[in-house]
Amino acid sequence: MLTFRYTICANDIEKVRNISASAPNFDEDCVDITAHLADDALYQIEHPEDEDYPHDTNFIFAELDGVTCAYACYGEIADSDGTYELYWLAHMQNIKDAA
């Protein structure tokens, strides 16, 4: 069954890295950027008191039978009224046919 998860945890950084690395159109820099954004999102959750932190990075994870198989990374556009930008979208290449 396909489910969605809206919270990020520490082990998701490596999952994001692995999913990104499986995407044929992501080079090594893209993989590093997505992992960094996952780390940023985790930091935001773990340090909500840090008002000086400039990022608004969010993740939605898709899980197929309990296995994280895809993610969407997005954030609110600064100085907008609830407008969001999709930064990255990726899925595990070996799972796409199963979904």
N, C-alpha and C. Protein backbone atom coordinates (compact mmCIF):
# COMPACT_ATOMS: atom_id res chain seq x y z
N MET A 1 0.83 -1.17 0.00
CA MET A 1 0.00 0.00 0.00
C MET A 1 0.89 1.25 0.00
N LEU A 2 0.48 2.23 -0.76
CA LEU A 2 1.21 3.49 -0.84
C LEU A 2 0.68 4.45 0.21
N THR A 3 1.59 4.97 1.04
CA THR A 3 1.23 5.94 2.06
C THR A 3 2.16 7.14 1.96
N PHE A 4 1.78 8.22 2.61
CA PHE A 4 2.58 9.44 2.58
C PHE A 4 2.91 9.87 4.01
N ARG A 5 4.11 10.41 4.15
CA ARG A 5 4.60 10.86 5.45
C ARG A 5 5.10 12.29 5.29
N TYR A 6 4.74 13.14 6.25
CA TYR A 6 5.02 14.57 6.15
C TYR A 6 6.06 15.05 7.15
N THR A 7 6.66 14.15 7.87
CA THR A 7 7.71 14.52 8.83
C THR A 7 9.03 13.89 8.38
N ILE A 8 10.10 14.55 8.74
CA ILE A 8 11.43 14.05 8.39
C ILE A 8 12.13 13.61 9.68
N CYS A 9 12.91 12.56 9.59
CA CYS A 9 13.71 12.10 10.73
C CYS A 9 15.15 11.89 10.25
N ALA A 10 16.04 11.65 11.19
CA ALA A 10 17.47 11.61 10.89
C ALA A 10 17.83 10.61 9.80
N ASN A 11 17.21 9.44 9.79
CA ASN A 11 17.58 8.44 8.78
C ASN A 11 17.05 8.78 7.39
N ASP A 12 16.21 9.79 7.28
CA ASP A 12 15.70 10.20 5.97
C ASP A 12 16.76 10.89 5.12
N ILE A 13 17.77 11.45 5.74
CA ILE A 13 18.82 12.12 4.96
C ILE A 13 19.49 11.12 4.03
N GLU A 14 19.82 9.95 4.55
CA GLU A 14 20.43 8.91 3.71
C GLU A 14 19.43 8.36 2.69
N LYS A 15 18.16 8.28 3.06
CA LYS A 15 17.13 7.82 2.11
C LYS A 15 17.01 8.80 0.95
N VAL A 16 17.02 10.09 1.26
CA VAL A 16 16.96 11.11 0.21
C VAL A 16 18.18 10.98 -0.70
N ARG A 17 19.34 10.79 -0.10
CA ARG A 17 20.57 10.62 -0.89
C ARG A 17 20.45 9.40 -1.82
N ASN A 18 19.97 8.28 -1.30
CA ASN A 18 19.86 7.06 -2.11
C ASN A 18 18.83 7.19 -3.22
N ILE A 19 17.70 7.80 -2.90
CA ILE A 19 16.67 8.01 -3.93
C ILE A 19 17.21 8.92 -5.02
N SER A 20 17.85 10.01 -4.63
CA SER A 20 18.40 10.95 -5.61
C SER A 20 19.47 10.29 -6.46
N ALA A 21 20.32 9.48 -5.84
CA ALA A 21 21.40 8.81 -6.58
C ALA A 21 20.84 7.81 -7.59
N SER A 22 19.63 7.29 -7.34
CA SER A 22 19.05 6.32 -8.27
C SER A 22 18.43 7.00 -9.50
N ALA A 23 18.22 8.31 -9.41
CA ALA A 23 17.61 9.04 -10.52
C ALA A 23 18.66 9.31 -11.60
N PRO A 24 18.41 8.87 -12.82
CA PRO A 24 19.42 9.03 -13.87
C PRO A 24 19.73 10.48 -14.24
N ASN A 25 18.81 11.39 -13.96
CA ASN A 25 19.04 12.79 -14.32
C ASN A 25 19.65 13.61 -13.19
N PHE A 26 19.98 12.99 -12.04
CA PHE A 26 20.62 13.68 -10.93
C PHE A 26 22.11 13.37 -10.95
N ASP A 27 22.93 14.42 -11.06
CA ASP A 27 24.37 14.19 -10.97
C ASP A 27 24.79 14.24 -9.50
N GLU A 28 26.07 14.10 -9.24
CA GLU A 28 26.57 14.05 -7.87
C GLU A 28 26.25 15.34 -7.10
N ASP A 29 26.33 16.48 -7.78
CA ASP A 29 26.00 17.74 -7.12
C ASP A 29 24.53 17.78 -6.71
N CYS A 30 23.65 17.31 -7.57
CA CYS A 30 22.22 17.27 -7.24
C CYS A 30 21.97 16.37 -6.03
N VAL A 31 22.64 15.23 -6.00
CA VAL A 31 22.49 14.31 -4.88
C VAL A 31 22.93 14.99 -3.58
N ASP A 32 24.05 15.68 -3.63
CA ASP A 32 24.54 16.38 -2.44
C ASP A 32 23.59 17.49 -2.01
N ILE A 33 23.03 18.21 -2.96
CA ILE A 33 22.11 19.30 -2.64
C ILE A 33 20.85 18.76 -1.98
N THR A 34 20.30 17.68 -2.51
CA THR A 34 19.08 17.12 -1.91
C THR A 34 19.34 16.62 -0.50
N ALA A 35 20.48 16.00 -0.26
CA ALA A 35 20.82 15.54 1.08
C ALA A 35 20.99 16.73 2.02
N HIS A 36 21.60 17.80 1.52
CA HIS A 36 21.77 19.01 2.33
C HIS A 36 20.42 19.62 2.69
N LEU A 37 19.49 19.63 1.74
CA LEU A 37 18.16 20.17 2.01
C LEU A 37 17.43 19.32 3.05
N ALA A 38 17.62 18.00 2.99
CA ALA A 38 17.02 17.13 4.00
C ALA A 38 17.61 17.44 5.38
N ASP A 39 18.90 17.66 5.42
CA ASP A 39 19.55 18.04 6.68
C ASP A 39 19.00 19.37 7.18
N ASP A 40 18.80 20.33 6.29
CA ASP A 40 18.20 21.62 6.66
C ASP A 40 16.81 21.44 7.24
N ALA A 41 16.00 20.61 6.59
CA ALA A 41 14.63 20.38 7.05
C ALA A 41 14.64 19.76 8.45
N LEU A 42 15.54 18.83 8.67
CA LEU A 42 15.65 18.21 9.99
C LEU A 42 16.09 19.23 11.03
N TYR A 43 17.04 20.07 10.69
CA TYR A 43 17.51 21.12 11.60
C TYR A 43 16.34 22.03 12.01
N GLN A 44 15.53 22.41 11.04
CA GLN A 44 14.39 23.28 11.33
C GLN A 44 13.46 22.66 12.36
N ILE A 45 13.24 21.36 12.26
CA ILE A 45 12.35 20.67 13.20
C ILE A 45 13.01 20.56 14.57
N GLU A 46 14.29 20.26 14.59
CA GLU A 46 15.00 20.07 15.85
C GLU A 46 15.33 21.39 16.56
N HIS A 47 15.33 22.50 15.83
CA HIS A 47 15.68 23.81 16.40
C HIS A 47 14.65 24.87 16.02
N PRO A 48 13.41 24.71 16.42
CA PRO A 48 12.39 25.70 16.04
C PRO A 48 12.63 27.08 16.63
N GLU A 49 13.45 27.14 17.67
CA GLU A 49 13.74 28.43 18.30
C GLU A 49 14.70 29.28 17.49
N ASP A 50 15.35 28.70 16.49
CA ASP A 50 16.34 29.41 15.68
C ASP A 50 15.63 30.24 14.60
N GLU A 51 15.17 31.40 14.99
CA GLU A 51 14.43 32.27 14.07
C GLU A 51 15.32 32.90 13.01
N ASP A 52 16.62 32.86 13.21
CA ASP A 52 17.55 33.43 12.24
C ASP A 52 17.86 32.48 11.10
N TYR A 53 17.40 31.22 11.22
CA TYR A 53 17.68 30.25 10.17
C TYR A 53 16.83 30.60 8.96
N PRO A 54 17.45 30.84 7.80
CA PRO A 54 16.73 31.45 6.68
C PRO A 54 15.90 30.50 5.82
N HIS A 55 15.94 29.22 6.05
CA HIS A 55 15.30 28.29 5.13
C HIS A 55 13.91 27.87 5.59
N ASP A 56 13.10 27.54 4.61
CA ASP A 56 11.80 26.92 4.85
C ASP A 56 11.75 25.72 3.92
N THR A 57 12.29 24.61 4.36
CA THR A 57 12.40 23.41 3.54
C THR A 57 11.52 22.32 4.12
N ASN A 58 10.69 21.74 3.27
CA ASN A 58 9.76 20.70 3.69
C ASN A 58 9.88 19.48 2.78
N PHE A 59 9.54 18.33 3.32
CA PHE A 59 9.56 17.09 2.55
C PHE A 59 8.25 16.35 2.73
N ILE A 60 7.82 15.70 1.67
CA ILE A 60 6.76 14.70 1.72
C ILE A 60 7.40 13.41 1.21
N PHE A 61 7.22 12.33 1.95
CA PHE A 61 7.79 11.05 1.56
C PHE A 61 6.67 10.09 1.16
N ALA A 62 6.90 9.36 0.09
CA ALA A 62 6.00 8.28 -0.32
C ALA A 62 6.62 6.97 0.13
N GLU A 63 5.80 6.13 0.73
CA GLU A 63 6.28 4.83 1.20
C GLU A 63 5.39 3.74 0.61
N LEU A 64 6.03 2.79 -0.03
CA LEU A 64 5.32 1.66 -0.62
C LEU A 64 5.59 0.45 0.25
N ASP A 65 4.55 -0.05 0.89
CA ASP A 65 4.66 -1.18 1.81
C ASP A 65 5.74 -0.95 2.86
N GLY A 66 5.79 0.28 3.39
CA GLY A 66 6.72 0.62 4.45
C GLY A 66 8.11 1.01 4.01
N VAL A 67 8.38 0.99 2.70
CA VAL A 67 9.70 1.35 2.18
C VAL A 67 9.61 2.73 1.53
N THR A 68 10.47 3.64 1.98
CA THR A 68 10.48 4.98 1.40
C THR A 68 10.96 4.89 -0.04
N CYS A 69 10.12 5.32 -0.97
CA CYS A 69 10.42 5.13 -2.39
C CYS A 69 10.45 6.43 -3.18
N ALA A 70 10.00 7.54 -2.58
CA ALA A 70 9.97 8.81 -3.31
C ALA A 70 9.87 9.96 -2.33
N TYR A 71 10.20 11.14 -2.82
CA TYR A 71 10.04 12.33 -1.99
C TYR A 71 9.77 13.54 -2.87
N ALA A 72 9.16 14.53 -2.26
CA ALA A 72 9.03 15.85 -2.85
C ALA A 72 9.61 16.82 -1.83
N CYS A 73 10.40 17.75 -2.29
CA CYS A 73 11.01 18.76 -1.44
C CYS A 73 10.50 20.12 -1.92
N TYR A 74 9.99 20.91 -0.99
CA TYR A 74 9.40 22.19 -1.37
C TYR A 74 9.57 23.20 -0.24
N GLY A 75 9.28 24.45 -0.55
CA GLY A 75 9.36 25.49 0.47
C GLY A 75 8.53 26.69 0.08
N GLU A 76 8.17 27.46 1.10
CA GLU A 76 7.40 28.66 0.86
C GLU A 76 8.29 29.74 0.25
N ILE A 77 7.77 30.43 -0.73
CA ILE A 77 8.50 31.52 -1.37
C ILE A 77 8.51 32.71 -0.43
N ALA A 78 9.70 33.23 -0.17
CA ALA A 78 9.85 34.36 0.76
C ALA A 78 8.97 35.53 0.35
N ASP A 79 8.42 36.20 1.33
CA ASP A 79 7.59 37.38 1.13
C ASP A 79 6.36 37.11 0.26
N SER A 80 5.89 35.88 0.29
CA SER A 80 4.67 35.55 -0.46
C SER A 80 3.57 35.23 0.55
N ASP A 81 2.39 35.16 0.06
CA ASP A 81 1.26 34.85 0.92
C ASP A 81 0.83 33.41 0.68
N GLY A 82 1.63 32.46 1.21
CA GLY A 82 1.28 31.06 1.09
C GLY A 82 1.56 30.47 -0.28
N THR A 83 2.55 30.99 -0.98
CA THR A 83 2.93 30.45 -2.28
C THR A 83 4.17 29.58 -2.09
N TYR A 84 4.14 28.39 -2.69
CA TYR A 84 5.22 27.43 -2.51
C TYR A 84 5.91 27.11 -3.82
N GLU A 85 7.15 26.69 -3.69
CA GLU A 85 7.96 26.30 -4.84
C GLU A 85 8.42 24.85 -4.64
N LEU A 86 8.28 24.05 -5.68
CA LEU A 86 8.77 22.68 -5.65
C LEU A 86 10.24 22.70 -6.02
N TYR A 87 11.10 22.23 -5.09
CA TYR A 87 12.54 22.24 -5.33
C TYR A 87 13.00 20.97 -6.04
N TRP A 88 12.61 19.83 -5.50
CA TRP A 88 13.06 18.54 -6.04
C TRP A 88 11.94 17.52 -5.91
N LEU A 89 11.92 16.60 -6.85
CA LEU A 89 10.95 15.50 -6.86
C LEU A 89 11.68 14.30 -7.42
N ALA A 90 11.70 13.19 -6.68
CA ALA A 90 12.45 12.02 -7.15
C ALA A 90 11.81 10.75 -6.61
N HIS A 91 12.06 9.65 -7.31
CA HIS A 91 11.59 8.34 -6.87
C HIS A 91 12.66 7.30 -7.17
N MET A 92 12.63 6.21 -6.42
CA MET A 92 13.57 5.11 -6.65
C MET A 92 13.26 4.51 -8.02
N GLN A 93 14.27 4.35 -8.83
CA GLN A 93 14.06 3.83 -10.17
C GLN A 93 13.57 2.38 -10.16
N ASN A 94 13.98 1.60 -9.19
CA ASN A 94 13.59 0.18 -9.17
C ASN A 94 12.18 -0.02 -8.61
N ILE A 95 11.54 1.01 -8.15
CA ILE A 95 10.20 0.86 -7.56
C ILE A 95 9.12 1.44 -8.46
N LYS A 96 9.46 2.24 -9.41
CA LYS A 96 8.45 2.97 -10.18
C LYS A 96 7.43 2.05 -10.85
N ASP A 97 7.83 0.87 -11.30
CA ASP A 97 6.87 -0.02 -11.97
C ASP A 97 5.96 -0.72 -10.98
N ALA A 98 6.40 -0.86 -9.74
CA ALA A 98 5.60 -1.54 -8.73
C ALA A 98 4.44 -0.67 -8.26
N ALA A 99 4.63 0.64 -8.31
CA ALA A 99 3.58 1.55 -7.84
C ALA A 99 2.48 1.65 -8.87
